[in-house]
Amino acid sequence: PLEALFVFPLPADAAVCHFSAKIGEQE
């Protein structure tokens, strides 16, 4: 098993309006 770390860039003036993650059947 892993504790995974994901690093990703966004535009400096961007606004995040939704985030979700799904593993198997669980969202």
PDB file of all heavy atoms in Angstrom:
ATOM      1  N   PRO A   1       0.843  -1.208   0.000  1.00  0.00           N
ATOM      2  CA  PRO A   1       0.000   0.000   0.000  1.00  0.00           C
ATOM      3  C   PRO A   1       0.874   1.253   0.000  1.00  0.00           C
ATOM      4  O   PRO A   1       1.985   1.252   0.531  1.00  0.00           O
ATOM      5  CB  PRO A   1      -0.794  -0.107   1.308  1.00  0.00           C
ATOM      6  CG  PRO A   1      -0.709  -1.545   1.687  1.00  0.00           C
ATOM      7  CD  PRO A   1       0.617  -2.045   1.193  1.00  0.00           C
ATOM      8  N   LEU A   2       0.371   2.326  -0.622  1.00  0.00           N
ATOM      9  CA  LEU A   2       1.123   3.571  -0.721  1.00  0.00           C
ATOM     10  C   LEU A   2       0.337   4.737  -0.145  1.00  0.00           C
ATOM     11  O   LEU A   2      -0.880   4.804  -0.305  1.00  0.00           O
ATOM     12  CB  LEU A   2       1.430   3.896  -2.184  1.00  0.00           C
ATOM     13  CG  LEU A   2       2.433   3.033  -2.939  1.00  0.00           C
ATOM     14  CD1 LEU A   2       2.495   3.490  -4.394  1.00  0.00           C
ATOM     15  CD2 LEU A   2       3.805   3.125  -2.301  1.00  0.00           C
ATOM     16  N   GLU A   3       1.037   5.642   0.533  1.00  0.00           N
ATOM     17  CA  GLU A   3       0.450   6.964   0.785  1.00  0.00           C
ATOM     18  C   GLU A   3       0.989   7.858  -0.328  1.00  0.00           C
ATOM     19  O   GLU A   3       2.145   8.281  -0.303  1.00  0.00           O
ATOM     20  CB  GLU A   3       0.830   7.523   2.159  1.00  0.00           C
ATOM     21  CG  GLU A   3       0.137   8.875   2.384  1.00  0.00           C
ATOM     22  CD  GLU A   3       0.501   9.546   3.698  1.00  0.00           C
ATOM     23  OE1 GLU A   3       1.244   8.940   4.490  1.00  0.00           O
ATOM     24  OE2 GLU A   3       0.040  10.672   3.918  1.00  0.00           O
ATOM     25  N   ALA A   4       0.177   8.084  -1.336  1.00  0.00           N
ATOM     26  CA  ALA A   4       0.639   8.765  -2.547  1.00  0.00           C
ATOM     27  C   ALA A   4       0.506  10.273  -2.409  1.00  0.00           C
ATOM     28  O   ALA A   4      -0.462  10.776  -1.841  1.00  0.00           O
ATOM     29  CB  ALA A   4      -0.160   8.273  -3.745  1.00  0.00           C
ATOM     30  N   LEU A   5       1.491  10.977  -2.942  1.00  0.00           N
ATOM     31  CA  LEU A   5       1.493  12.441  -2.974  1.00  0.00           C
ATOM     32  C   LEU A   5       1.541  12.896  -4.430  1.00  0.00           C
ATOM     33  O   LEU A   5       2.423  12.494  -5.177  1.00  0.00           O
ATOM     34  CB  LEU A   5       2.702  12.996  -2.214  1.00  0.00           C
ATOM     35  CG  LEU A   5       2.859  14.516  -2.218  1.00  0.00           C
ATOM     36  CD1 LEU A   5       1.748  15.173  -1.414  1.00  0.00           C
ATOM     37  CD2 LEU A   5       4.215  14.923  -1.666  1.00  0.00           C
ATOM     38  N   PHE A   6       0.572  13.701  -4.814  1.00  0.00           N
ATOM     39  CA  PHE A   6       0.482  14.186  -6.186  1.00  0.00           C
ATOM     40  C   PHE A   6       0.657  15.701  -6.164  1.00  0.00           C
ATOM     41  O   PHE A   6      -0.043  16.398  -5.439  1.00  0.00           O
ATOM     42  CB  PHE A   6      -0.881  13.800  -6.766  1.00  0.00           C
ATOM     43  CG  PHE A   6      -1.173  14.356  -8.133  1.00  0.00           C
ATOM     44  CD1 PHE A   6      -0.243  14.271  -9.138  1.00  0.00           C
ATOM     45  CD2 PHE A   6      -2.395  14.945  -8.400  1.00  0.00           C
ATOM     46  CE1 PHE A   6      -0.513  14.771 -10.407  1.00  0.00           C
ATOM     47  CE2 PHE A   6      -2.674  15.450  -9.659  1.00  0.00           C
ATOM     48  CZ  PHE A   6      -1.730  15.362 -10.665  1.00  0.00           C
ATOM     49  N   VAL A   7       1.619  16.222  -6.931  1.00  0.00           N
ATOM     50  CA  VAL A   7       1.900  17.658  -6.978  1.00  0.00           C
ATOM     51  C   VAL A   7       1.581  18.161  -8.375  1.00  0.00           C
ATOM     52  O   VAL A   7       2.077  17.610  -9.355  1.00  0.00           O
ATOM     53  CB  VAL A   7       3.383  17.935  -6.646  1.00  0.00           C
ATOM     54  CG1 VAL A   7       3.661  19.435  -6.658  1.00  0.00           C
ATOM     55  CG2 VAL A   7       3.753  17.331  -5.296  1.00  0.00           C
ATOM     56  N   PHE A   8       0.746  19.180  -8.480  1.00  0.00           N
ATOM     57  CA  PHE A   8       0.428  19.674  -9.824  1.00  0.00           C
ATOM     58  C   PHE A   8       0.273  21.190  -9.841  1.00  0.00           C
ATOM     59  O   PHE A   8      -0.174  21.792  -8.870  1.00  0.00           O
ATOM     60  CB  PHE A   8      -0.827  18.996 -10.397  1.00  0.00           C
ATOM     61  CG  PHE A   8      -2.071  19.193  -9.595  1.00  0.00           C
ATOM     62  CD1 PHE A   8      -3.028  20.110  -9.979  1.00  0.00           C
ATOM     63  CD2 PHE A   8      -2.320  18.435  -8.463  1.00  0.00           C
ATOM     64  CE1 PHE A   8      -4.197  20.286  -9.248  1.00  0.00           C
ATOM     65  CE2 PHE A   8      -3.462  18.607  -7.718  1.00  0.00           C
ATOM     66  CZ  PHE A   8      -4.405  19.522  -8.113  1.00  0.00           C
ATOM     67  N   PRO A   9       0.684  21.808 -10.964  1.00  0.00           N
ATOM     68  CA  PRO A   9       0.676  23.269 -11.082  1.00  0.00           C
ATOM     69  C   PRO A   9      -0.649  23.790 -11.619  1.00  0.00           C
ATOM     70  O   PRO A   9      -1.322  23.129 -12.394  1.00  0.00           O
ATOM     71  CB  PRO A   9       1.797  23.535 -12.096  1.00  0.00           C
ATOM     72  CG  PRO A   9       1.791  22.311 -12.964  1.00  0.00           C
ATOM     73  CD  PRO A   9       1.334  21.160 -12.114  1.00  0.00           C
ATOM     74  N   LEU A  10      -1.010  24.984 -11.178  1.00  0.00           N
ATOM     75  CA  LEU A  10      -2.186  25.689 -11.675  1.00  0.00           C
ATOM     76  C   LEU A  10      -1.782  27.111 -12.044  1.00  0.00           C
ATOM     77  O   LEU A  10      -0.808  27.629 -11.493  1.00  0.00           O
ATOM     78  CB  LEU A  10      -3.267  25.763 -10.594  1.00  0.00           C
ATOM     79  CG  LEU A  10      -4.046  24.505 -10.260  1.00  0.00           C
ATOM     80  CD1 LEU A  10      -4.947  24.764  -9.057  1.00  0.00           C
ATOM     81  CD2 LEU A  10      -4.888  24.071 -11.444  1.00  0.00           C
ATOM     82  N   PRO A  11      -2.512  27.768 -12.950  1.00  0.00           N
ATOM     83  CA  PRO A  11      -2.243  29.192 -13.178  1.00  0.00           C
ATOM     84  C   PRO A  11      -2.366  29.964 -11.871  1.00  0.00           C
ATOM     85  O   PRO A  11      -3.221  29.654 -11.026  1.00  0.00           O
ATOM     86  CB  PRO A  11      -3.336  29.605 -14.169  1.00  0.00           C
ATOM     87  CG  PRO A  11      -3.752  28.326 -14.836  1.00  0.00           C
ATOM     88  CD  PRO A  11      -3.593  27.260 -13.803  1.00  0.00           C
ATOM     89  N   ALA A  12      -1.498  30.980 -11.689  1.00  0.00           N
ATOM     90  CA  ALA A  12      -1.450  31.702 -10.412  1.00  0.00           C
ATOM     91  C   ALA A  12      -2.789  32.348 -10.066  1.00  0.00           C
ATOM     92  O   ALA A  12      -3.138  32.482  -8.893  1.00  0.00           O
ATOM     93  CB  ALA A  12      -0.342  32.754 -10.469  1.00  0.00           C
ATOM     94  N   ASP A  13      -3.571  32.747 -11.089  1.00  0.00           N
ATOM     95  CA  ASP A  13      -4.838  33.442 -10.823  1.00  0.00           C
ATOM     96  C   ASP A  13      -6.043  32.516 -10.986  1.00  0.00           C
ATOM     97  O   ASP A  13      -7.175  32.987 -11.090  1.00  0.00           O
ATOM     98  CB  ASP A  13      -4.979  34.659 -11.730  1.00  0.00           C
ATOM     99  CG  ASP A  13      -4.878  34.300 -13.212  1.00  0.00           C
ATOM    100  OD1 ASP A  13      -4.569  33.126 -13.513  1.00  0.00           O
ATOM    101  OD2 ASP A  13      -5.125  35.178 -14.058  1.00  0.00           O
ATOM    102  N   ALA A  14      -5.809  31.205 -11.020  1.00  0.00           N
ATOM    103  CA  ALA A  14      -6.921  30.266 -11.187  1.00  0.00           C
ATOM    104  C   ALA A  14      -7.692  30.096  -9.884  1.00  0.00           C
ATOM    105  O   ALA A  14      -7.137  30.235  -8.797  1.00  0.00           O
ATOM    106  CB  ALA A  14      -6.399  28.906 -11.656  1.00  0.00           C
ATOM    107  N   ALA A  15      -8.982  29.796 -10.000  1.00  0.00           N
ATOM    108  CA  ALA A  15      -9.820  29.492  -8.841  1.00  0.00           C
ATOM    109  C   ALA A  15     -10.343  28.070  -8.989  1.00  0.00           C
ATOM    110  O   ALA A  15     -11.023  27.745  -9.968  1.00  0.00           O
ATOM    111  CB  ALA A  15     -10.989  30.480  -8.750  1.00  0.00           C
ATOM    112  N   VAL A  16     -10.006  27.204  -8.021  1.00  0.00           N
ATOM    113  CA  VAL A  16     -10.500  25.824  -8.033  1.00  0.00           C
ATOM    114  C   VAL A  16     -11.954  25.834  -7.573  1.00  0.00           C
ATOM    115  O   VAL A  16     -12.272  26.368  -6.514  1.00  0.00           O
ATOM    116  CB  VAL A  16      -9.654  24.926  -7.107  1.00  0.00           C
ATOM    117  CG1 VAL A  16     -10.222  23.515  -7.054  1.00  0.00           C
ATOM    118  CG2 VAL A  16      -8.206  24.882  -7.584  1.00  0.00           C
ATOM    119  N   CYS A  17     -12.858  25.261  -8.394  1.00  0.00           N
ATOM    120  CA  CYS A  17     -14.275  25.279  -8.026  1.00  0.00           C
ATOM    121  C   CYS A  17     -14.848  23.876  -7.812  1.00  0.00           C
ATOM    122  O   CYS A  17     -15.996  23.744  -7.395  1.00  0.00           O
ATOM    123  CB  CYS A  17     -15.095  26.045  -9.062  1.00  0.00           C
ATOM    124  SG  CYS A  17     -14.804  25.544 -10.761  1.00  0.00           S
ATOM    125  N   HIS A  18     -14.075  22.823  -8.097  1.00  0.00           N
ATOM    126  CA  HIS A  18     -14.529  21.468  -7.798  1.00  0.00           C
ATOM    127  C   HIS A  18     -13.315  20.563  -7.687  1.00  0.00           C
ATOM    128  O   HIS A  18     -12.361  20.693  -8.452  1.00  0.00           O
ATOM    129  CB  HIS A  18     -15.448  20.926  -8.898  1.00  0.00           C
ATOM    130  CG  HIS A  18     -15.763  19.455  -8.737  1.00  0.00           C
ATOM    131  ND1 HIS A  18     -16.790  18.999  -7.941  1.00  0.00           N
ATOM    132  CD2 HIS A  18     -15.153  18.345  -9.245  1.00  0.00           C
ATOM    133  CE1 HIS A  18     -16.816  17.661  -7.982  1.00  0.00           C
ATOM    134  NE2 HIS A  18     -15.829  17.244  -8.762  1.00  0.00           N
ATOM    135  N   PHE A  19     -13.373  19.655  -6.713  1.00  0.00           N
ATOM    136  CA  PHE A  19     -12.346  18.619  -6.619  1.00  0.00           C
ATOM    137  C   PHE A  19     -12.982  17.346  -6.092  1.00  0.00           C
ATOM    138  O   PHE A  19     -13.729  17.373  -5.117  1.00  0.00           O
ATOM    139  CB  PHE A  19     -11.204  19.041  -5.686  1.00  0.00           C
ATOM    140  CG  PHE A  19     -10.200  17.942  -5.512  1.00  0.00           C
ATOM    141  CD1 PHE A  19      -9.238  17.707  -6.475  1.00  0.00           C
ATOM    142  CD2 PHE A  19     -10.262  17.102  -4.431  1.00  0.00           C
ATOM    143  CE1 PHE A  19      -8.352  16.664  -6.350  1.00  0.00           C
ATOM    144  CE2 PHE A  19      -9.382  16.053  -4.295  1.00  0.00           C
ATOM    145  CZ  PHE A  19      -8.411  15.832  -5.254  1.00  0.00           C
ATOM    146  N   SER A  20     -12.706  16.226  -6.748  1.00  0.00           N
ATOM    147  CA  SER A  20     -13.205  14.942  -6.259  1.00  0.00           C
ATOM    148  C   SER A  20     -12.209  13.853  -6.602  1.00  0.00           C
ATOM    149  O   SER A  20     -11.359  14.013  -7.485  1.00  0.00           O
ATOM    150  CB  SER A  20     -14.587  14.613  -6.858  1.00  0.00           C
ATOM    151  OG  SER A  20     -14.502  14.523  -8.267  1.00  0.00           O
ATOM    152  N   ALA A  21     -12.287  12.749  -5.885  1.00  0.00           N
ATOM    153  CA  ALA A  21     -11.402  11.611  -6.131  1.00  0.00           C
ATOM    154  C   ALA A  21     -12.195  10.336  -5.926  1.00  0.00           C
ATOM    155  O   ALA A  21     -13.047  10.256  -5.041  1.00  0.00           O
ATOM    156  CB  ALA A  21     -10.212  11.656  -5.179  1.00  0.00           C
ATOM    157  N   LYS A  22     -11.930   9.354  -6.765  1.00  0.00           N
ATOM    158  CA  LYS A  22     -12.663   8.094  -6.690  1.00  0.00           C
ATOM    159  C   LYS A  22     -11.682   6.936  -6.620  1.00  0.00           C
ATOM    160  O   LYS A  22     -10.797   6.817  -7.462  1.00  0.00           O
ATOM    161  CB  LYS A  22     -13.580   7.940  -7.915  1.00  0.00           C
ATOM    162  CG  LYS A  22     -14.534   6.752  -7.807  1.00  0.00           C
ATOM    163  CD  LYS A  22     -15.557   6.777  -8.942  1.00  0.00           C
ATOM    164  CE  LYS A  22     -16.568   5.642  -8.788  1.00  0.00           C
ATOM    165  NZ  LYS A  22     -17.578   5.661  -9.853  1.00  0.00           N
ATOM    166  N   ILE A  23     -11.830   6.106  -5.586  1.00  0.00           N
ATOM    167  CA  ILE A  23     -11.043   4.876  -5.464  1.00  0.00           C
ATOM    168  C   ILE A  23     -12.030   3.722  -5.432  1.00  0.00           C
ATOM    169  O   ILE A  23     -12.890   3.657  -4.553  1.00  0.00           O
ATOM    170  CB  ILE A  23     -10.182   4.872  -4.189  1.00  0.00           C
ATOM    171  CG1 ILE A  23      -9.060   5.894  -4.314  1.00  0.00           C
ATOM    172  CG2 ILE A  23      -9.586   3.495  -3.954  1.00  0.00           C
ATOM    173  CD1 ILE A  23      -8.081   5.867  -3.171  1.00  0.00           C
ATOM    174  N   GLY A  24     -11.915   2.822  -6.422  1.00  0.00           N
ATOM    175  CA  GLY A  24     -12.890   1.736  -6.513  1.00  0.00           C
ATOM    176  C   GLY A  24     -14.280   2.314  -6.708  1.00  0.00           C
ATOM    177  O   GLY A  24     -14.518   3.105  -7.610  1.00  0.00           O
ATOM    178  N   GLU A  25     -15.204   1.933  -5.834  1.00  0.00           N
ATOM    179  CA  GLU A  25     -16.581   2.435  -5.923  1.00  0.00           C
ATOM    180  C   GLU A  25     -16.815   3.645  -5.029  1.00  0.00           C
ATOM    181  O   GLU A  25     -17.899   4.207  -5.016  1.00  0.00           O
ATOM    182  CB  GLU A  25     -17.575   1.312  -5.541  1.00  0.00           C
ATOM    183  CG  GLU A  25     -17.553   0.128  -6.491  1.00  0.00           C
ATOM    184  CD  GLU A  25     -17.810   0.544  -7.932  1.00  0.00           C
ATOM    185  OE1 GLU A  25     -18.806   1.237  -8.179  1.00  0.00           O
ATOM    186  OE2 GLU A  25     -16.988   0.188  -8.805  1.00  0.00           O
ATOM    187  N   GLN A  26     -15.805   4.039  -4.272  1.00  0.00           N
ATOM    188  CA  GLN A  26     -15.978   5.136  -3.318  1.00  0.00           C
ATOM    189  C   GLN A  26     -15.529   6.458  -3.928  1.00  0.00           C
ATOM    190  O   GLN A  26     -14.414   6.562  -4.450  1.00  0.00           O
ATOM    191  CB  GLN A  26     -15.166   4.871  -2.043  1.00  0.00           C
ATOM    192  CG  GLN A  26     -15.385   5.932  -0.966  1.00  0.00           C
ATOM    193  CD  GLN A  26     -14.545   5.670   0.271  1.00  0.00           C
ATOM    194  OE1 GLN A  26     -13.480   5.067   0.193  1.00  0.00           O
ATOM    195  NE2 GLN A  26     -15.021   6.123   1.418  1.00  0.00           N
ATOM    196  N   GLU A  27     -16.412   7.462  -3.876  1.00  0.00           N
ATOM    197  CA  GLU A  27     -16.061   8.788  -4.386  1.00  0.00           C
ATOM    198  C   GLU A  27     -16.045   9.786  -3.239  1.00  0.00           C
ATOM    199  O   GLU A  27     -16.921   9.792  -2.383  1.00  0.00           O
ATOM    200  CB  GLU A  27     -17.040   9.252  -5.460  1.00  0.00           C
ATOM    201  CG  GLU A  27     -16.631  10.585  -6.075  1.00  0.00           C
ATOM    202  CD  GLU A  27     -17.512  10.997  -7.249  1.00  0.00           C
ATOM    203  OE1 GLU A  27     -18.681  10.577  -7.286  1.00  0.00           O
ATOM    204  OE2 GLU A  27     -17.019  11.746  -8.105  1.00  0.00           O
TER     205      GLU A  27
END
